[in-house]
C-alpha atoms as a PDB file:
ATOM      1  CA  UNK A   1     112.576 101.302 110.401  1.00  0.00           C
ATOM      2  CA  UNK A   2     113.004 100.052 106.772  1.00  0.00           C
ATOM      3  CA  UNK A   3     113.619 102.014 103.494  1.00  0.00           C
ATOM      4  CA  UNK A   4     110.836 102.917 101.311  1.00  0.00           C
ATOM      5  CA  UNK A   5     110.851 103.858  97.429  1.00  0.00           C
ATOM      6  CA  UNK A   6     108.128 104.869  95.046  1.00  0.00           C
ATOM      7  CA  UNK A   7     107.877 103.408  91.466  1.00  0.00           C
ATOM      8  CA  UNK A   8     107.806 105.737  88.794  1.00  0.00           C
ATOM      9  CA  UNK A   9     104.124 105.597  88.308  1.00  0.00           C
ATOM     10  CA  UNK A  10     103.621 106.264  92.073  1.00  0.00           C
ATOM     11  CA  UNK A  11     105.689 109.197  92.003  1.00  0.00           C
ATOM     12  CA  UNK A  12     103.975 110.695  89.065  1.00  0.00           C
ATOM     13  CA  UNK A  13     100.550 110.037  90.827  1.00  0.00           C
ATOM     14  CA  UNK A  14     101.956 111.803  93.912  1.00  0.00           C
ATOM     15  CA  UNK A  15     103.220 114.854  91.888  1.00  0.00           C
ATOM     16  CA  UNK A  16      99.935 115.078  89.994  1.00  0.00           C
ATOM     17  CA  UNK A  17      98.039 115.254  93.264  1.00  0.00           C
ATOM     18  CA  UNK A  18     100.343 117.740  94.832  1.00  0.00           C
ATOM     19  CA  UNK A  19      99.781 119.965  91.665  1.00  0.00           C
ATOM     20  CA  UNK A  20      96.058 119.571  91.834  1.00  0.00           C
ATOM     21  CA  UNK A  21      95.821 120.326  95.571  1.00  0.00           C
ATOM     22  CA  UNK A  22      97.975 123.594  95.023  1.00  0.00           C
ATOM     23  CA  UNK A  23      95.630 124.605  92.203  1.00  0.00           C
ATOM     24  CA  UNK A  24      92.703 124.376  94.667  1.00  0.00           C
ATOM     25  CA  UNK A  25      94.201 126.153  97.524  1.00  0.00           C
ATOM     26  CA  UNK A  26      97.479 127.729  98.462  1.00  0.00           C
ATOM     27  CA  UNK A  27      99.430 125.452 100.852  1.00  0.00           C
ATOM     28  CA  UNK A  28      97.016 122.623 100.457  1.00  0.00           C
ATOM     29  CA  UNK A  29      99.569 120.639  98.064  1.00  0.00           C
ATOM     30  CA  UNK A  30     102.000 121.158 100.933  1.00  0.00           C
ATOM     31  CA  UNK A  31      99.696 119.490 103.457  1.00  0.00           C
ATOM     32  CA  UNK A  32      99.176 116.669 101.107  1.00  0.00           C
ATOM     33  CA  UNK A  33     103.103 116.226 100.904  1.00  0.00           C
ATOM     34  CA  UNK A  34     103.239 116.146 104.669  1.00  0.00           C
ATOM     35  CA  UNK A  35     100.414 113.665 104.969  1.00  0.00           C
ATOM     36  CA  UNK A  36     102.129 111.251 102.454  1.00  0.00           C
ATOM     37  CA  UNK A  37     105.681 111.637 104.367  1.00  0.00           C
ATOM     38  CA  UNK A  38     103.894 110.962 107.564  1.00  0.00           C
ATOM     39  CA  UNK A  39     102.037 107.806 105.933  1.00  0.00           C
ATOM     40  CA  UNK A  40     105.563 106.641 104.628  1.00  0.00           C
ATOM     41  CA  UNK A  41     107.041 106.865 107.749  1.00  0.00           C
ATOM     42  CA  UNK A  42     104.477 104.822 109.471  1.00  0.00           C
ATOM     43  CA  UNK A  43     104.615 102.327 106.846  1.00  0.00           C
ATOM     44  CA  UNK A  44     108.260 102.152 107.179  1.00  0.00           C
ATOM     45  CA  UNK A  45     108.108 101.504 110.937  1.00  0.00           C
ATOM     46  CA  UNK A  46     105.199  99.096 110.817  1.00  0.00           C
ATOM     47  CA  UNK A  47     105.208  97.649 107.178  1.00  0.00           C
ATOM     48  CA  UNK A  48     103.001  94.635 108.151  1.00  0.00           C
ATOM     49  CA  UNK A  49     100.354  96.588 109.974  1.00  0.00           C
ATOM     50  CA  UNK A  50      98.126  97.534 107.157  1.00  0.00           C
ATOM     51  CA  UNK A  51      95.757  95.189 105.340  1.00  0.00           C
ATOM     52  CA  UNK A  52      96.500  93.124 102.301  1.00  0.00           C
ATOM     53  CA  UNK A  53      94.200  94.121  99.544  1.00  0.00           C
ATOM     54  CA  UNK A  54      95.464  91.788  96.961  1.00  0.00           C
ATOM     55  CA  UNK A  55      98.186  89.022  97.052  1.00  0.00           C
ATOM     56  CA  UNK A  56     101.112  90.906  98.965  1.00  0.00           C
ATOM     57  CA  UNK A  57      99.868  94.377  98.162  1.00  0.00           C
ATOM     58  CA  UNK A  58      98.847  96.383 101.272  1.00  0.00           C
ATOM     59  CA  UNK A  59      96.898  99.605 101.604  1.00  0.00           C
ATOM     60  CA  UNK A  60      97.551 102.571 103.895  1.00  0.00           C
ATOM     61  CA  UNK A  61      94.593 105.145 103.952  1.00  0.00           C
ATOM     62  CA  UNK A  62      95.807 108.688 104.167  1.00  0.00           C
ATOM     63  CA  UNK A  63      93.972 110.695 106.716  1.00  0.00           C
ATOM     64  CA  UNK A  64      92.197 113.859 105.547  1.00  0.00           C
ATOM     65  CA  UNK A  65      92.788 113.218 101.786  1.00  0.00           C
ATOM     66  CA  UNK A  66      90.941 110.664  99.825  1.00  0.00           C
ATOM     67  CA  UNK A  67      94.102 108.792  98.940  1.00  0.00           C
ATOM     68  CA  UNK A  68      95.547 105.455  99.659  1.00  0.00           C
ATOM     69  CA  UNK A  69      99.134 104.143  99.330  1.00  0.00           C
ATOM     70  CA  UNK A  70      99.525 100.852  97.837  1.00  0.00           C
ATOM     71  CA  UNK A  71     102.774  98.899  98.587  1.00  0.00           C
ATOM     72  CA  UNK A  72     104.418  95.630  99.154  1.00  0.00           C
ATOM     73  CA  UNK A  73     107.407  94.601 101.367  1.00  0.00           C
ATOM     74  CA  UNK A  74     110.352  92.872 100.078  1.00  0.00           C
ATOM     75  CA  UNK A  75     112.995  91.941 102.708  1.00  0.00           C
ATOM     76  CA  UNK A  76     113.974  95.364 103.978  1.00  0.00           C
ATOM     77  CA  UNK A  77     112.319  97.659 101.271  1.00  0.00           C
ATOM     78  CA  UNK A  78     108.857  99.007 100.849  1.00  0.00           C
ATOM     79  CA  UNK A  79     107.871  99.647  97.312  1.00  0.00           C
ATOM     80  CA  UNK A  80     105.073 102.092  96.749  1.00  0.00           C
ATOM     81  CA  UNK A  81     103.270 101.070  93.388  1.00  0.00           C
ATOM     82  CA  UNK A  82     100.374 103.469  93.743  1.00  0.00           C
ATOM     83  CA  UNK A  83      99.300 106.532  95.439  1.00  0.00           C
ATOM     84  CA  UNK A  84      95.750 106.444  94.286  1.00  0.00           C
ATOM     85  CA  UNK A  85      92.639 108.381  94.737  1.00  0.00           C
ATOM     86  CA  UNK A  86      90.262 106.316  96.467  1.00  0.00           C
ATOM     87  CA  UNK A  87      87.140 107.331  94.612  1.00  0.00           C
ATOM     88  CA  UNK A  88      88.453 106.532  91.007  1.00  0.00           C
ATOM     89  CA  UNK A  89      89.178 103.432  89.223  1.00  0.00           C
ATOM     90  CA  UNK A  90      89.957 101.186  92.316  1.00  0.00           C
ATOM     91  CA  UNK A  91      91.775  98.205  90.428  1.00  0.00           C
ATOM     92  CA  UNK A  92      93.758 100.330  87.606  1.00  0.00           C
ATOM     93  CA  UNK A  93      97.078  99.536  89.666  1.00  0.00           C
ATOM     94  CA  UNK A  94      96.741  95.713  89.660  1.00  0.00           C
ATOM     95  CA  UNK A  95      99.260  95.098  86.872  1.00  0.00           C
ATOM     96  CA  UNK A  96     101.926  97.258  88.407  1.00  0.00           C
ATOM     97  CA  UNK A  97     103.952  94.879  90.243  1.00  0.00           C
END
């Protein structure tokens, strides 16, 4: 398993989503956190398993929530550049790397 890190922008998106889901229903934010943690574990174990969506950027779709994790692999590090809502502005992250 390789290490993973979130960019500042990706971490902010993550925090915003957690806050939003907690405001919708108690414990829903916690469930989102667990889903993202599980996704990051899978990505760290099998970083090449998910499809490339642009250049070397790959996308992992989070089950249950309409979010995707966009990341790239550089040697032994996975860098998450976005935790994006999959129904909004699909290409806003393109200039992040």
